N, C-alpha and C. Protein backbone atom coordinates (compact mmCIF):
# COMPACT_ATOMS: atom_id res chain seq x y z
N UNK A 1 0.76 -0.83 0.03
CA UNK A 1 0.11 -0.02 0.06
C UNK A 1 0.69 1.23 -0.06
N UNK A 2 1.97 1.20 0.81
CA UNK A 2 3.15 2.32 0.60
C UNK A 2 3.28 2.57 -0.79
N UNK A 3 3.44 2.24 -1.13
CA UNK A 3 4.25 1.93 -2.64
C UNK A 3 3.14 2.25 -3.72
N UNK A 4 1.82 2.17 -3.26
CA UNK A 4 0.57 2.61 -4.26
C UNK A 4 0.41 1.81 -5.16
N UNK A 5 1.30 0.11 -4.85
CA UNK A 5 1.15 -1.11 -6.05
C UNK A 5 1.90 -0.36 -7.17
N UNK A 6 3.11 0.27 -7.26
CA UNK A 6 3.34 0.25 -8.30
C UNK A 6 5.36 0.05 -7.75
N UNK A 7 5.75 -0.12 -8.79
CA UNK A 7 6.86 -0.55 -9.10
C UNK A 7 8.57 0.80 -8.91
N UNK A 8 8.60 0.91 -7.81
CA UNK A 8 9.29 1.62 -7.84
C UNK A 8 10.69 1.76 -8.52
N UNK A 9 11.03 0.97 -8.98
CA UNK A 9 12.17 1.50 -10.45
C UNK A 9 11.43 1.78 -11.38
N UNK A 10 10.29 1.02 -12.10
CA UNK A 10 9.70 1.52 -13.61
C UNK A 10 8.56 1.97 -13.56
N UNK A 11 7.84 2.20 -12.26
CA UNK A 11 6.32 2.89 -12.76
C UNK A 11 5.56 1.61 -13.07
N UNK A 12 5.47 0.79 -13.59
CA UNK A 12 4.64 -0.51 -13.45
C UNK A 12 3.70 -1.20 -12.53
N UNK A 13 2.79 -2.12 -12.70
CA UNK A 13 2.40 -2.37 -11.61
C UNK A 13 3.38 -3.74 -10.37
N UNK A 14 3.16 -3.61 -9.61
CA UNK A 14 4.08 -3.98 -8.70
C UNK A 14 3.74 -5.71 -8.48
N UNK A 15 4.29 -6.58 -8.27
CA UNK A 15 3.99 -7.90 -8.09
C UNK A 15 4.10 -8.46 -7.28
N UNK A 16 5.54 -7.62 -7.01
CA UNK A 16 6.63 -8.45 -5.64
C UNK A 16 6.99 -7.52 -4.43
N UNK A 17 7.19 -7.81 -3.53
CA UNK A 17 8.15 -7.18 -2.61
C UNK A 17 9.46 -7.63 -2.62
N UNK A 18 10.28 -6.90 -2.39
CA UNK A 18 12.00 -7.32 -2.51
C UNK A 18 12.59 -6.80 -1.27
N UNK A 19 13.14 -7.80 -0.71
CA UNK A 19 14.06 -7.62 0.70
C UNK A 19 15.37 -6.98 0.45
N UNK A 20 15.87 -5.99 0.91
CA UNK A 20 16.89 -5.21 0.46
C UNK A 20 17.83 -5.93 1.05
N UNK A 21 18.06 -6.00 2.32
CA UNK A 21 18.77 -7.02 3.00
C UNK A 21 18.11 -8.50 2.76
N UNK A 22 18.81 -9.27 2.14
CA UNK A 22 18.19 -10.85 0.95
C UNK A 22 17.72 -11.32 2.15
N UNK A 23 16.59 -12.37 2.31
CA UNK A 23 16.21 -13.14 3.25
C UNK A 23 17.68 -14.36 3.34
N UNK A 24 17.90 -15.02 4.34
CA UNK A 24 18.67 -16.11 4.50
C UNK A 24 18.71 -17.40 5.68
N UNK A 25 19.29 -18.13 5.63
CA UNK A 25 18.62 -19.25 7.11
C UNK A 25 18.57 -18.27 8.56
N UNK A 26 19.41 -17.11 7.95
CA UNK A 26 19.91 -16.85 9.82
C UNK A 26 19.35 -15.83 10.33
N UNK A 27 18.38 -14.88 9.17
CA UNK A 27 17.77 -13.97 9.51
C UNK A 27 16.14 -13.92 9.58
N UNK A 28 15.77 -15.32 8.43
CA UNK A 28 14.69 -15.72 8.24
C UNK A 28 13.41 -14.90 9.26
N UNK A 29 13.74 -15.82 10.54
CA UNK A 29 13.00 -15.25 11.77
C UNK A 29 12.98 -13.97 12.49
N UNK A 30 13.64 -12.96 12.01
CA UNK A 30 14.70 -11.65 12.43
C UNK A 30 13.16 -10.79 11.79
N UNK A 31 12.54 -10.53 12.21
CA UNK A 31 11.21 -9.60 11.82
C UNK A 31 11.61 -8.16 11.40
N UNK A 32 12.88 -8.01 11.90
CA UNK A 32 13.61 -6.22 11.82
C UNK A 32 14.37 -6.35 10.07
N UNK A 33 14.30 -7.53 9.75
CA UNK A 33 14.37 -8.13 8.60
C UNK A 33 13.75 -8.12 7.63
N UNK A 34 12.26 -9.45 7.77
CA UNK A 34 11.37 -9.59 6.92
C UNK A 34 10.33 -8.91 7.01
N UNK A 35 10.24 -8.18 7.86
CA UNK A 35 8.56 -7.32 7.97
C UNK A 35 8.74 -5.81 8.29
N UNK A 36 10.32 -5.42 7.92
CA UNK A 36 10.39 -3.78 8.27
C UNK A 36 10.43 -3.22 7.12
N UNK A 37 9.24 -2.40 7.41
CA UNK A 37 8.78 -1.24 5.99
C UNK A 37 10.43 -0.76 5.32
N UNK A 38 11.61 -0.43 6.29
CA UNK A 38 12.49 -0.01 5.37
C UNK A 38 13.36 -0.52 4.53
N UNK A 39 12.80 -1.97 5.13
CA UNK A 39 13.86 -3.33 4.27
C UNK A 39 12.99 -3.42 2.71
N UNK A 40 11.76 -3.39 3.08
CA UNK A 40 10.92 -3.80 1.66
C UNK A 40 10.62 -2.99 0.60
N UNK A 41 10.95 -3.34 -0.47
CA UNK A 41 10.55 -2.13 -1.47
C UNK A 41 9.61 -3.05 -2.35
N UNK A 42 8.32 -2.31 -3.14
CA UNK A 42 7.51 -2.76 -4.51
C UNK A 42 8.22 -2.58 -5.57
N UNK A 43 8.15 -4.04 -6.31
CA UNK A 43 8.45 -3.85 -7.58
C UNK A 43 8.05 -5.06 -8.59
N UNK A 44 8.13 -4.56 -9.78
CA UNK A 44 7.59 -5.61 -10.83
C UNK A 44 8.68 -6.94 -10.85
N UNK A 45 7.70 -7.81 -11.73
CA UNK A 45 8.80 -9.13 -11.66
C UNK A 45 10.01 -9.18 -12.37
N UNK A 46 10.14 -8.37 -13.52
CA UNK A 46 11.34 -7.94 -14.25
C UNK A 46 12.22 -6.89 -13.12
N UNK A 47 12.10 -6.01 -12.83
CA UNK A 47 12.69 -5.12 -12.00
C UNK A 47 13.23 -6.43 -10.88
N UNK A 48 12.48 -6.89 -9.82
CA UNK A 48 12.98 -7.33 -8.52
C UNK A 48 14.21 -9.06 -9.61
N UNK A 49 13.86 -9.57 -10.22
CA UNK A 49 14.81 -10.62 -11.21
C UNK A 49 15.98 -9.29 -11.91
N UNK A 50 16.15 -8.20 -12.30
CA UNK A 50 16.95 -7.30 -12.17
C UNK A 50 17.40 -6.93 -11.31
N UNK A 51 16.95 -6.71 -10.24
CA UNK A 51 17.54 -5.96 -8.99
C UNK A 51 18.76 -7.67 -8.24
N UNK A 52 17.99 -8.33 -8.59
CA UNK A 52 18.54 -9.85 -8.12
C UNK A 52 20.31 -10.00 -8.76
N UNK A 53 19.82 -9.64 -9.92
CA UNK A 53 21.45 -9.72 -10.99
C UNK A 53 21.89 -8.69 -10.56
N UNK A 54 21.75 -7.84 -10.27
CA UNK A 54 22.67 -6.69 -9.82
C UNK A 54 23.28 -6.81 -8.54
N UNK A 55 22.54 -7.05 -7.62
CA UNK A 55 23.03 -7.48 -6.36
C UNK A 55 23.78 -8.90 -6.16
N UNK A 56 23.86 -9.46 -7.45
CA UNK A 56 24.88 -10.70 -7.67
C UNK A 56 26.01 -9.98 -8.41
N UNK A 57 25.85 -9.41 -9.41
CA UNK A 57 27.08 -8.57 -10.01
C UNK A 57 27.65 -7.67 -8.84
N UNK A 58 27.26 -6.95 -8.04
CA UNK A 58 27.76 -6.24 -7.10
C UNK A 58 28.71 -7.34 -6.22
N UNK A 59 28.35 -8.36 -6.34
CA UNK A 59 29.01 -9.17 -4.94
C UNK A 59 28.89 -9.77 -3.76
N UNK A 60 27.30 -8.95 -3.73
CA UNK A 60 26.31 -9.86 -2.36
C UNK A 60 26.22 -11.03 -2.30
N UNK A 61 26.29 -11.52 -1.28
CA UNK A 61 25.49 -12.93 -0.97
C UNK A 61 24.48 -12.86 -0.91
N UNK A 62 23.19 -13.33 -1.88
CA UNK A 62 22.14 -13.75 -2.35
C UNK A 62 21.68 -15.24 -2.59
N UNK A 63 20.31 -15.27 -2.16
CA UNK A 63 19.52 -16.33 -2.19
C UNK A 63 19.80 -17.05 -3.49
N UNK A 64 19.73 -16.72 -4.02
CA UNK A 64 19.94 -17.62 -5.28
C UNK A 64 21.38 -18.15 -6.23
N UNK A 65 22.17 -17.89 -4.78
CA UNK A 65 23.66 -18.29 -5.23
C UNK A 65 23.87 -19.16 -4.10
N UNK A 66 23.36 -19.45 -3.54
CA UNK A 66 23.82 -20.53 -2.82
C UNK A 66 23.56 -21.86 -2.66
N UNK A 67 24.22 -22.90 -2.53
CA UNK A 67 23.69 -24.04 -2.75
C UNK A 67 23.15 -24.34 -1.74
N UNK A 68 22.15 -25.97 -2.00
CA UNK A 68 21.45 -26.01 -0.82
C UNK A 68 21.77 -26.84 0.50
N UNK A 69 23.10 -26.66 0.53
CA UNK A 69 23.98 -26.66 1.89
C UNK A 69 23.46 -25.98 2.30
N UNK A 70 23.35 -24.64 2.17
CA UNK A 70 23.29 -23.40 2.76
C UNK A 70 21.74 -23.26 3.61
N UNK A 71 20.98 -23.67 2.94
CA UNK A 71 19.80 -23.54 3.51
C UNK A 71 19.56 -24.61 4.86
N UNK A 72 18.00 -23.72 5.86
CA UNK A 72 17.67 -24.20 6.91
C UNK A 72 17.34 -25.97 6.93
N UNK A 73 17.65 -26.89 7.22
CA UNK A 73 17.04 -28.14 7.15
C UNK A 73 15.29 -27.78 6.80
N UNK A 74 15.06 -28.88 5.91
CA UNK A 74 13.60 -28.88 5.71
C UNK A 74 13.48 -27.77 4.37
N UNK A 75 14.28 -27.24 3.93
CA UNK A 75 14.03 -25.91 2.72
C UNK A 75 15.35 -25.81 2.06
N UNK A 76 14.73 -25.43 0.98
CA UNK A 76 15.51 -24.98 0.03
C UNK A 76 15.78 -23.67 -0.78
N UNK A 77 16.71 -23.49 -1.85
CA UNK A 77 16.34 -21.99 -2.94
C UNK A 77 15.68 -22.35 -4.14
N UNK A 78 14.91 -22.23 -4.46
CA UNK A 78 14.12 -22.29 -5.43
C UNK A 78 14.92 -21.85 -7.01
N UNK A 79 15.14 -21.74 -8.33
CA UNK A 79 15.18 -21.07 -8.95
C UNK A 79 15.06 -19.69 -9.12
N UNK A 80 14.20 -18.66 -8.73
CA UNK A 80 14.19 -17.64 -8.37
C UNK A 80 14.99 -17.39 -7.09
N UNK A 81 15.31 -18.00 -6.47
CA UNK A 81 15.87 -17.05 -4.89
C UNK A 81 15.09 -17.19 -4.03
N UNK A 82 13.74 -17.76 -3.53
CA UNK A 82 12.90 -18.12 -2.86
C UNK A 82 12.87 -18.90 -2.44
N UNK A 83 13.11 -18.77 -0.86
CA UNK A 83 12.93 -19.93 -0.15
C UNK A 83 11.89 -20.85 -0.02
N UNK A 84 11.82 -22.15 0.06
CA UNK A 84 10.55 -23.00 -0.15
C UNK A 84 10.70 -24.29 0.41
N UNK A 85 9.78 -24.70 1.43
CA UNK A 85 10.04 -26.28 1.95
C UNK A 85 10.28 -27.07 0.88
N UNK A 86 11.11 -28.08 1.63
CA UNK A 86 11.29 -29.30 0.36
C UNK A 86 10.15 -30.52 0.52
N UNK A 87 9.96 -30.89 -0.75
CA UNK A 87 8.63 -31.40 -0.90
C UNK A 87 8.90 -32.79 -0.18
């Protein structure tokens, strides 16, 4: 609602929320990271994907650059870098 459902980068309709500090097993339960409005930005799918690529190129450790062994037990990162439960 804060961003009026608009991508903060390109102005198209926002479809996803990006965490500026990426979610990781060590912070997944920290609401100061997961739910903090200052850590969240509304993005469209294209800009969200581009932001993760930009972060990776900048050398930031990110979810979809991790191996399965980096995840908490019972979870893994999918091809989009999203933390999902094991099947």
